[in-house]
C-alpha atoms as a PDB file:
ATOM      1  CA  MET A   1     134.584 114.200 156.886  1.00  0.00           C
ATOM      2  CA  THR A   2     131.060 115.062 155.830  1.00  0.00           C
ATOM      3  CA  TYR A   3     128.518 115.222 158.665  1.00  0.00           C
ATOM      4  CA  TYR A   4     124.742 114.859 158.404  1.00  0.00           C
ATOM      5  CA  ALA A   5     122.446 114.703 161.432  1.00  0.00           C
ATOM      6  CA  ASP A   6     120.573 111.411 161.867  1.00  0.00           C
ATOM      7  CA  LEU A   7     117.101 111.213 160.315  1.00  0.00           C
ATOM      8  CA  THR A   8     117.610 114.237 158.049  1.00  0.00           C
ATOM      9  CA  PRO A   9     116.737 113.786 154.352  1.00  0.00           C
ATOM     10  CA  TYR A  10     119.513 112.138 152.314  1.00  0.00           C
ATOM     11  CA  THR A  11     120.836 114.507 149.650  1.00  0.00           C
ATOM     12  CA  TYR A  12     124.489 113.466 149.234  1.00  0.00           C
ATOM     13  CA  ASP A  13     125.329 112.495 145.639  1.00  0.00           C
ATOM     14  CA  ARG A  14     121.681 112.121 144.593  1.00  0.00           C
ATOM     15  CA  GLY A  15     122.453 113.712 141.229  1.00  0.00           C
ATOM     16  CA  SER A  16     124.547 110.746 140.091  1.00  0.00           C
ATOM     17  CA  TRP A  17     121.882 108.086 140.817  1.00  0.00           C
ATOM     18  CA  ASP A  18     120.454 106.134 137.932  1.00  0.00           C
ATOM     19  CA  PRO A  19     116.657 106.353 138.371  1.00  0.00           C
ATOM     20  CA  GLU A  20     116.247 103.043 136.519  1.00  0.00           C
ATOM     21  CA  ALA A  21     118.876 101.160 138.566  1.00  0.00           C
ATOM     22  CA  SER A  22     116.427  99.890 141.181  1.00  0.00           C
ATOM     23  CA  SER A  23     112.752 100.364 141.840  1.00  0.00           C
ATOM     24  CA  ARG A  24     113.110  98.907 145.340  1.00  0.00           C
ATOM     25  CA  TRP A  25     113.407 102.312 147.040  1.00  0.00           C
ATOM     26  CA  ARG A  26     111.266 104.331 144.653  1.00  0.00           C
ATOM     27  CA  GLY A  27     108.699 106.410 146.526  1.00  0.00           C
ATOM     28  CA  LEU A  28     110.481 106.119 149.894  1.00  0.00           C
ATOM     29  CA  GLN A  29     112.278 109.008 151.533  1.00  0.00           C
ATOM     30  CA  LEU A  30     115.913 108.132 152.214  1.00  0.00           C
ATOM     31  CA  LEU A  31     117.330 109.356 155.532  1.00  0.00           C
ATOM     32  CA  ASN A  32     120.853 109.935 156.816  1.00  0.00           C
ATOM     33  CA  ILE A  33     122.049 107.597 159.556  1.00  0.00           C
ATOM     34  CA  GLY A  34     125.554 107.505 161.045  1.00  0.00           C
ATOM     35  CA  TRP A  35     127.350 110.280 159.131  1.00  0.00           C
ATOM     36  CA  LEU A  36     129.614 111.093 162.079  1.00  0.00           C
ATOM     37  CA  SER A  37     132.294 113.729 162.473  1.00  0.00           C
ATOM     38  CA  ARG A  38     135.034 114.275 165.048  1.00  0.00           C
ATOM     39  CA  SER A  39     133.841 117.865 165.381  1.00  0.00           C
ATOM     40  CA  LYS A  40     130.329 116.807 166.536  1.00  0.00           C
ATOM     41  CA  ASN A  41     129.384 115.024 169.754  1.00  0.00           C
ATOM     42  CA  TYR A  42     127.446 111.782 169.486  1.00  0.00           C
ATOM     43  CA  SER A  43     126.205 109.101 171.879  1.00  0.00           C
ATOM     44  CA  LYS A  44     128.490 106.171 172.625  1.00  0.00           C
ATOM     45  CA  GLY A  45     127.766 102.974 174.482  1.00  0.00           C
ATOM     46  CA  VAL A  46     127.214  99.241 174.368  1.00  0.00           C
ATOM     47  CA  LEU A  47     124.524  97.825 172.065  1.00  0.00           C
ATOM     48  CA  SER A  48     122.200  95.064 173.125  1.00  0.00           C
ATOM     49  CA  PRO A  49     122.961  91.640 171.542  1.00  0.00           C
ATOM     50  CA  GLY A  50     119.861  91.817 169.303  1.00  0.00           C
ATOM     51  CA  ALA A  51     120.569  95.295 167.886  1.00  0.00           C
ATOM     52  CA  PHE A  52     121.558  93.981 164.459  1.00  0.00           C
ATOM     53  CA  SER A  53     119.430  90.881 164.101  1.00  0.00           C
END
């Protein structure tokens, strides 16, 4: 599986994006979040109830 450290610049598959598909994210830097790998350690635990609200 591909691994990218959290908060590093997103570069995966950027070459196949259609620049006209959406202007919603234009001008914002996209960051990697949650690209995990079995070969890398990562924090585990219980999330607070409001984590996804």
